[in-house]
Amino acid sequence: GVNLRYLHGLYEMHVASAGGTITTGMEEITADAHVNTLSAEGGRGYGVDVGLALRTPGGLAVGLTLENAQSSMEWDRNVEYREFRLSADEINLLNSDLDASVSDADTVYTGDPYTTELPRSARLGASGKVGPFVLAADWVQGFEDRGLVSTEPRVLAGVEWQLGFLQPRFGAATGGVQGDSASAGLGVKLGFWRIDAAAVTRGGMKVGDTKGLGVAVASSLVF
């Protein structure tokens, strides 16, 4: 399968370059540092996901997806190139006027439109039914460290208990940028109508250890 997405960006900023030096002498310290950033307040682009799915005669379902196999974002609205520079000269304990020894400059220029790509990641998943339970597990592997994508693998596992029109769900995950998390949810089947709700912890398995809580609710019609 192939998934095509049209993307509309609201804001983007990244460090174009950064560096600095520090020199220590017998009586003083001198230093110089700079950071250059590029930002835009709007852009548009596309993303392409590809995937493969297999269902065995025994009921095992296996899927492999590559997210953002091809992507491009063109940022062209209110593009700014910002340069911040800091320099220090003759810093020592005998210098009573440090403000005069340290200088900084913050300059903003109008920048040209630029293009970025979305981080790629792969997901390998499998699920199967054991009696009234559906077991599922995913392995997520990013190809770079950017945003919510990490080269550290993330492993997720969950179980759904099918009780007629009710489906309680529980899951856990570890690794990646998000770290440890636990989740619980409930699915409701009312004829063609489906209602799904879930909550997940962020940064910890226990509620007391977590750094945040995510909640999601979805409604759909399935014919």
C-alpha atoms as a PDB file:
ATOM      1  CA  GLY A   1       0.000   0.000   0.000  1.00  0.00           C
ATOM      2  CA  VAL A   2       0.930   3.650  -0.457  1.00  0.00           C
ATOM      3  CA  ASN A   3      -0.172   6.632   1.610  1.00  0.00           C
ATOM      4  CA  LEU A   4       0.110  10.131   0.127  1.00  0.00           C
ATOM      5  CA  ARG A   5      -0.094  13.150   2.426  1.00  0.00           C
ATOM      6  CA  TYR A   6      -0.356  16.877   1.748  1.00  0.00           C
ATOM      7  CA  LEU A   7       1.410  18.833   4.500  1.00  0.00           C
ATOM      8  CA  HIS A   8       0.868  22.415   5.618  1.00  0.00           C
ATOM      9  CA  GLY A   9       3.541  23.770   7.963  1.00  0.00           C
ATOM     10  CA  LEU A  10       2.872  26.541  10.483  1.00  0.00           C
ATOM     11  CA  TYR A  11       6.379  27.275  11.781  1.00  0.00           C
ATOM     12  CA  GLU A  12       9.884  25.836  11.471  1.00  0.00           C
ATOM     13  CA  MET A  13      13.257  26.829  12.893  1.00  0.00           C
ATOM     14  CA  HIS A  14      16.615  25.099  12.882  1.00  0.00           C
ATOM     15  CA  VAL A  15      20.229  25.943  13.647  1.00  0.00           C
ATOM     16  CA  ALA A  16      22.067  26.597  10.395  1.00  0.00           C
ATOM     17  CA  SER A  17      25.501  26.845  12.022  1.00  0.00           C
ATOM     18  CA  ALA A  18      27.044  27.291  15.445  1.00  0.00           C
ATOM     19  CA  GLY A  19      30.528  27.443  16.868  1.00  0.00           C
ATOM     20  CA  GLY A  20      32.897  29.212  19.187  1.00  0.00           C
ATOM     21  CA  THR A  21      36.382  29.429  20.621  1.00  0.00           C
ATOM     22  CA  ILE A  22      37.850  30.172  24.013  1.00  0.00           C
ATOM     23  CA  THR A  23      41.468  31.065  24.690  1.00  0.00           C
ATOM     24  CA  THR A  24      43.097  31.215  28.093  1.00  0.00           C
ATOM     25  CA  GLY A  25      46.335  33.078  28.719  1.00  0.00           C
ATOM     26  CA  MET A  26      48.467  33.734  31.753  1.00  0.00           C
ATOM     27  CA  GLU A  27      46.421  36.786  32.740  1.00  0.00           C
ATOM     28  CA  GLU A  28      43.165  36.813  30.755  1.00  0.00           C
ATOM     29  CA  ILE A  29      40.510  34.886  28.886  1.00  0.00           C
ATOM     30  CA  THR A  30      39.126  35.685  25.449  1.00  0.00           C
ATOM     31  CA  ALA A  31      36.147  33.987  23.804  1.00  0.00           C
ATOM     32  CA  ASP A  32      33.981  34.155  20.715  1.00  0.00           C
ATOM     33  CA  ALA A  33      30.747  32.290  19.902  1.00  0.00           C
ATOM     34  CA  HIS A  34      28.026  32.474  17.275  1.00  0.00           C
ATOM     35  CA  VAL A  35      24.690  30.827  16.460  1.00  0.00           C
ATOM     36  CA  ASN A  36      22.916  31.228  13.118  1.00  0.00           C
ATOM     37  CA  THR A  37      19.292  30.119  12.777  1.00  0.00           C
ATOM     38  CA  LEU A  38      16.893  29.873   9.846  1.00  0.00           C
ATOM     39  CA  SER A  39      13.151  30.106  10.402  1.00  0.00           C
ATOM     40  CA  ALA A  40       9.890  30.447   8.471  1.00  0.00           C
ATOM     41  CA  GLU A  41       6.271  31.049   9.436  1.00  0.00           C
ATOM     42  CA  GLY A  42       4.667  28.864   6.797  1.00  0.00           C
ATOM     43  CA  GLY A  43       5.258  26.206   4.202  1.00  0.00           C
ATOM     44  CA  ARG A  44       3.746  23.304   2.315  1.00  0.00           C
ATOM     45  CA  GLY A  45       4.853  19.957   1.036  1.00  0.00           C
ATOM     46  CA  TYR A  46       4.097  16.258   0.788  1.00  0.00           C
ATOM     47  CA  GLY A  47       4.935  12.935   2.376  1.00  0.00           C
ATOM     48  CA  VAL A  48       4.828   9.383   1.001  1.00  0.00           C
ATOM     49  CA  ASP A  49       4.488   6.276   3.181  1.00  0.00           C
ATOM     50  CA  VAL A  50       4.780   2.745   1.831  1.00  0.00           C
ATOM     51  CA  GLY A  51       3.777  -0.520   3.467  1.00  0.00           C
ATOM     52  CA  LEU A  52       3.396  -4.257   3.124  1.00  0.00           C
ATOM     53  CA  ALA A  53       0.844  -6.489   4.846  1.00  0.00           C
ATOM     54  CA  LEU A  54       0.566 -10.269   5.160  1.00  0.00           C
ATOM     55  CA  ARG A  55      -2.053 -12.457   6.811  1.00  0.00           C
ATOM     56  CA  THR A  56      -1.173 -16.112   7.297  1.00  0.00           C
ATOM     57  CA  PRO A  57      -3.685 -18.997   7.170  1.00  0.00           C
ATOM     58  CA  GLY A  58      -3.220 -19.353  10.944  1.00  0.00           C
ATOM     59  CA  GLY A  59      -4.567 -15.828  11.537  1.00  0.00           C
ATOM     60  CA  LEU A  60      -1.246 -14.091  12.170  1.00  0.00           C
ATOM     61  CA  ALA A  61      -1.092 -10.581  10.676  1.00  0.00           C
ATOM     62  CA  VAL A  62       2.296  -9.015   9.882  1.00  0.00           C
ATOM     63  CA  GLY A  63       2.911  -5.506   8.585  1.00  0.00           C
ATOM     64  CA  LEU A  64       5.912  -3.407   7.591  1.00  0.00           C
ATOM     65  CA  THR A  65       5.715   0.321   6.903  1.00  0.00           C
ATOM     66  CA  LEU A  66       8.241   2.989   5.970  1.00  0.00           C
ATOM     67  CA  GLU A  67       7.023   6.415   7.037  1.00  0.00           C
ATOM     68  CA  ASN A  68       8.197   9.412   5.014  1.00  0.00           C
ATOM     69  CA  ALA A  69       9.933   7.228   2.469  1.00  0.00           C
ATOM     70  CA  GLN A  70       9.871  10.375   0.340  1.00  0.00           C
ATOM     71  CA  SER A  71       9.018  13.832   1.653  1.00  0.00           C
ATOM     72  CA  SER A  72       9.644  17.506   1.027  1.00  0.00           C
ATOM     73  CA  MET A  73       8.614  20.737   2.755  1.00  0.00           C
ATOM     74  CA  GLU A  74       9.066  24.089   1.025  1.00  0.00           C
ATOM     75  CA  TRP A  75       9.255  26.954   3.558  1.00  0.00           C
ATOM     76  CA  ASP A  76       8.645  30.299   1.859  1.00  0.00           C
ATOM     77  CA  ARG A  77       6.664  32.571   4.185  1.00  0.00           C
ATOM     78  CA  ASN A  78       8.433  35.249   6.280  1.00  0.00           C
ATOM     79  CA  VAL A  79      11.795  33.500   6.081  1.00  0.00           C
ATOM     80  CA  GLU A  80      14.361  34.953   8.513  1.00  0.00           C
ATOM     81  CA  TYR A  81      18.071  34.351   8.874  1.00  0.00           C
ATOM     82  CA  ARG A  82      19.203  35.326  12.388  1.00  0.00           C
ATOM     83  CA  GLU A  83      22.780  35.703  13.575  1.00  0.00           C
ATOM     84  CA  PHE A  84      23.688  36.001  17.238  1.00  0.00           C
ATOM     85  CA  ARG A  85      27.317  36.632  18.115  1.00  0.00           C
ATOM     86  CA  LEU A  86      29.007  36.988  21.503  1.00  0.00           C
ATOM     87  CA  SER A  87      32.609  37.982  22.130  1.00  0.00           C
ATOM     88  CA  ALA A  88      34.611  38.534  25.301  1.00  0.00           C
ATOM     89  CA  ASP A  89      38.058  40.067  25.682  1.00  0.00           C
ATOM     90  CA  GLU A  90      40.407  40.661  28.613  1.00  0.00           C
ATOM     91  CA  ILE A  91      38.343  38.715  31.151  1.00  0.00           C
ATOM     92  CA  ASN A  92      40.241  38.455  34.457  1.00  0.00           C
ATOM     93  CA  LEU A  93      39.718  38.945  38.172  1.00  0.00           C
ATOM     94  CA  LEU A  94      41.216  42.418  38.057  1.00  0.00           C
ATOM     95  CA  ASN A  95      38.791  43.652  35.420  1.00  0.00           C
ATOM     96  CA  SER A  96      36.092  45.573  37.276  1.00  0.00           C
ATOM     97  CA  ASP A  97      34.130  46.474  34.133  1.00  0.00           C
ATOM     98  CA  LEU A  98      33.048  43.161  32.648  1.00  0.00           C
ATOM     99  CA  ASP A  99      30.240  44.805  30.651  1.00  0.00           C
ATOM    100  CA  ALA A 100      32.817  46.669  28.597  1.00  0.00           C
ATOM    101  CA  SER A 101      34.736  43.456  27.917  1.00  0.00           C
ATOM    102  CA  VAL A 102      31.718  41.486  26.697  1.00  0.00           C
ATOM    103  CA  SER A 103      29.825  42.446  23.562  1.00  0.00           C
ATOM    104  CA  ASP A 104      26.978  40.792  21.677  1.00  0.00           C
ATOM    105  CA  ALA A 105      25.137  41.367  18.427  1.00  0.00           C
ATOM    106  CA  ASP A 106      21.762  40.036  17.300  1.00  0.00           C
ATOM    107  CA  THR A 107      21.074  40.613  13.592  1.00  0.00           C
ATOM    108  CA  VAL A 108      18.076  39.491  11.540  1.00  0.00           C
ATOM    109  CA  TYR A 109      18.094  39.263   7.725  1.00  0.00           C
ATOM    110  CA  THR A 110      15.414  38.340   5.219  1.00  0.00           C
ATOM    111  CA  GLY A 111      16.140  34.787   4.106  1.00  0.00           C
ATOM    112  CA  ASP A 112      15.497  32.853   0.931  1.00  0.00           C
ATOM    113  CA  PRO A 113      12.954  29.998   0.769  1.00  0.00           C
ATOM    114  CA  TYR A 114      14.403  26.646   1.770  1.00  0.00           C
ATOM    115  CA  THR A 115      13.445  22.972   1.725  1.00  0.00           C
ATOM    116  CA  THR A 116      13.469  20.372   4.504  1.00  0.00           C
ATOM    117  CA  GLU A 117      12.660  16.668   4.660  1.00  0.00           C
ATOM    118  CA  LEU A 118      10.704  14.793   7.310  1.00  0.00           C
ATOM    119  CA  PRO A 119      12.575  12.159   9.376  1.00  0.00           C
ATOM    120  CA  ARG A 120      12.188   8.577   8.141  1.00  0.00           C
ATOM    121  CA  SER A 121      11.195   5.663  10.354  1.00  0.00           C
ATOM    122  CA  ALA A 122      10.230   2.016   9.864  1.00  0.00           C
ATOM    123  CA  ARG A 123       7.644   0.024  11.807  1.00  0.00           C
ATOM    124  CA  LEU A 124       7.422  -3.766  11.904  1.00  0.00           C
ATOM    125  CA  GLY A 125       4.317  -5.142  13.600  1.00  0.00           C
ATOM    126  CA  ALA A 126       2.507  -8.407  14.189  1.00  0.00           C
ATOM    127  CA  SER A 127      -0.792  -9.382  15.774  1.00  0.00           C
ATOM    128  CA  GLY A 128      -2.672 -12.591  16.419  1.00  0.00           C
ATOM    129  CA  LYS A 129      -5.748 -13.846  18.227  1.00  0.00           C
ATOM    130  CA  VAL A 130      -5.579 -16.259  21.172  1.00  0.00           C
ATOM    131  CA  GLY A 131      -9.088 -17.128  22.305  1.00  0.00           C
ATOM    132  CA  PRO A 132     -10.896 -13.866  23.175  1.00  0.00           C
ATOM    133  CA  PHE A 133      -7.607 -11.938  23.273  1.00  0.00           C
ATOM    134  CA  VAL A 134      -5.821 -10.121  20.463  1.00  0.00           C
ATOM    135  CA  LEU A 135      -2.081  -9.737  21.039  1.00  0.00           C
ATOM    136  CA  ALA A 136      -0.042  -7.159  19.137  1.00  0.00           C
ATOM    137  CA  ALA A 137       3.565  -5.930  19.125  1.00  0.00           C
ATOM    138  CA  ASP A 138       5.492  -3.296  17.157  1.00  0.00           C
ATOM    139  CA  TRP A 139       9.169  -2.503  16.602  1.00  0.00           C
ATOM    140  CA  VAL A 140       9.825   1.104  15.542  1.00  0.00           C
ATOM    141  CA  GLN A 141      13.223   2.104  14.166  1.00  0.00           C
ATOM    142  CA  GLY A 142      14.144   5.662  13.214  1.00  0.00           C
ATOM    143  CA  PHE A 143      16.943   6.479  10.813  1.00  0.00           C
ATOM    144  CA  GLU A 144      17.947   9.784  12.415  1.00  0.00           C
ATOM    145  CA  ASP A 145      17.588  11.653  15.696  1.00  0.00           C
ATOM    146  CA  ARG A 146      15.125  14.441  14.967  1.00  0.00           C
ATOM    147  CA  GLY A 147      11.764  15.413  16.406  1.00  0.00           C
ATOM    148  CA  LEU A 148       9.929  12.347  17.715  1.00  0.00           C
ATOM    149  CA  VAL A 149      12.105  10.014  15.610  1.00  0.00           C
ATOM    150  CA  SER A 150      15.129   8.360  17.197  1.00  0.00           C
ATOM    151  CA  THR A 151      17.766   5.867  16.161  1.00  0.00           C
ATOM    152  CA  GLU A 152      17.110   4.150  19.502  1.00  0.00           C
ATOM    153  CA  PRO A 153      14.519   1.415  18.807  1.00  0.00           C
ATOM    154  CA  ARG A 154      11.105   1.592  20.421  1.00  0.00           C
ATOM    155  CA  VAL A 155       9.202  -1.573  21.338  1.00  0.00           C
ATOM    156  CA  LEU A 156       5.450  -1.579  21.919  1.00  0.00           C
ATOM    157  CA  ALA A 157       3.130  -4.398  22.999  1.00  0.00           C
ATOM    158  CA  GLY A 158      -0.576  -4.536  23.773  1.00  0.00           C
ATOM    159  CA  VAL A 159      -3.558  -6.795  24.337  1.00  0.00           C
ATOM    160  CA  GLU A 160      -7.261  -6.388  23.547  1.00  0.00           C
ATOM    161  CA  TRP A 161      -9.930  -8.420  25.325  1.00  0.00           C
ATOM    162  CA  GLN A 162     -12.918  -8.919  23.028  1.00  0.00           C
ATOM    163  CA  LEU A 163     -16.063  -9.053  25.156  1.00  0.00           C
ATOM    164  CA  GLY A 164     -18.861  -8.751  22.641  1.00  0.00           C
ATOM    165  CA  PHE A 165     -19.467  -5.057  22.014  1.00  0.00           C
ATOM    166  CA  LEU A 166     -16.761  -4.046  24.535  1.00  0.00           C
ATOM    167  CA  GLN A 167     -12.988  -4.282  23.938  1.00  0.00           C
ATOM    168  CA  PRO A 168     -10.801  -3.257  26.914  1.00  0.00           C
ATOM    169  CA  ARG A 169      -7.170  -2.629  25.901  1.00  0.00           C
ATOM    170  CA  PHE A 170      -3.868  -2.413  27.747  1.00  0.00           C
ATOM    171  CA  GLY A 171      -0.360  -1.736  26.488  1.00  0.00           C
ATOM    172  CA  ALA A 172       3.202  -0.746  27.341  1.00  0.00           C
ATOM    173  CA  ALA A 173       6.168   0.655  25.441  1.00  0.00           C
ATOM    174  CA  THR A 174       9.829   1.439  26.008  1.00  0.00           C
ATOM    175  CA  GLY A 175      12.696   3.074  24.135  1.00  0.00           C
ATOM    176  CA  GLY A 176      12.859   5.857  21.572  1.00  0.00           C
ATOM    177  CA  VAL A 177      12.402   9.522  22.419  1.00  0.00           C
ATOM    178  CA  GLN A 178       9.282   8.943  24.511  1.00  0.00           C
ATOM    179  CA  GLY A 179      10.866   6.454  26.925  1.00  0.00           C
ATOM    180  CA  ASP A 180       8.696   4.181  29.065  1.00  0.00           C
ATOM    181  CA  SER A 181       4.923   4.470  28.853  1.00  0.00           C
ATOM    182  CA  ALA A 182       1.799   2.536  29.746  1.00  0.00           C
ATOM    183  CA  SER A 183      -1.639   2.802  28.172  1.00  0.00           C
ATOM    184  CA  ALA A 184      -5.232   1.741  28.727  1.00  0.00           C
ATOM    185  CA  GLY A 185      -8.218   2.072  26.460  1.00  0.00           C
ATOM    186  CA  LEU A 186     -11.704   0.920  25.627  1.00  0.00           C
ATOM    187  CA  GLY A 187     -13.434   0.181  22.327  1.00  0.00           C
ATOM    188  CA  VAL A 188     -17.210   0.078  21.927  1.00  0.00           C
ATOM    189  CA  LYS A 189     -19.049  -1.510  18.983  1.00  0.00           C
ATOM    190  CA  LEU A 190     -22.600  -0.237  18.425  1.00  0.00           C
ATOM    191  CA  GLY A 191     -23.618  -1.743  15.107  1.00  0.00           C
ATOM    192  CA  PHE A 192     -21.720   0.151  12.410  1.00  0.00           C
ATOM    193  CA  TRP A 193     -20.617   2.772  14.939  1.00  0.00           C
ATOM    194  CA  ARG A 194     -17.239   2.456  16.667  1.00  0.00           C
ATOM    195  CA  ILE A 195     -16.060   4.519  19.633  1.00  0.00           C
ATOM    196  CA  ASP A 196     -12.445   4.264  20.837  1.00  0.00           C
ATOM    197  CA  ALA A 197     -10.885   5.999  23.840  1.00  0.00           C
ATOM    198  CA  ALA A 198      -7.384   5.668  25.280  1.00  0.00           C
ATOM    199  CA  ALA A 199      -4.954   7.260  27.740  1.00  0.00           C
ATOM    200  CA  VAL A 200      -1.159   6.895  27.795  1.00  0.00           C
ATOM    201  CA  THR A 201       1.502   7.996  30.259  1.00  0.00           C
ATOM    202  CA  ARG A 202       4.596   9.899  29.103  1.00  0.00           C
ATOM    203  CA  GLY A 203       8.056   9.155  30.458  1.00  0.00           C
ATOM    204  CA  GLY A 204       7.062   6.521  33.002  1.00  0.00           C
ATOM    205  CA  MET A 205       5.011   3.394  33.525  1.00  0.00           C
ATOM    206  CA  LYS A 206       3.350   4.595  36.747  1.00  0.00           C
ATOM    207  CA  VAL A 207       1.133   7.661  37.056  1.00  0.00           C
ATOM    208  CA  GLY A 208       3.334   9.004  39.868  1.00  0.00           C
ATOM    209  CA  ASP A 209       6.482   8.722  37.730  1.00  0.00           C
ATOM    210  CA  THR A 210       5.071  10.063  34.492  1.00  0.00           C
ATOM    211  CA  LYS A 211       5.917  13.472  33.029  1.00  0.00           C
ATOM    212  CA  GLY A 212       2.637  13.824  31.185  1.00  0.00           C
ATOM    213  CA  LEU A 213      -0.560  12.121  30.114  1.00  0.00           C
ATOM    214  CA  GLY A 214      -2.015  11.780  26.619  1.00  0.00           C
ATOM    215  CA  VAL A 215      -5.707  11.206  25.937  1.00  0.00           C
ATOM    216  CA  ALA A 216      -7.400  10.335  22.639  1.00  0.00           C
ATOM    217  CA  VAL A 217     -10.997   9.705  21.580  1.00  0.00           C
ATOM    218  CA  ALA A 218     -12.111   8.577  18.113  1.00  0.00           C
ATOM    219  CA  SER A 219     -15.429   7.803  16.445  1.00  0.00           C
ATOM    220  CA  SER A 220     -15.914   5.983  13.142  1.00  0.00           C
ATOM    221  CA  LEU A 221     -18.392   4.084  10.980  1.00  0.00           C
ATOM    222  CA  VAL A 222     -17.373   0.583   9.819  1.00  0.00           C
ATOM    223  CA  PHE A 223     -19.466  -1.149   7.132  1.00  0.00           C
END
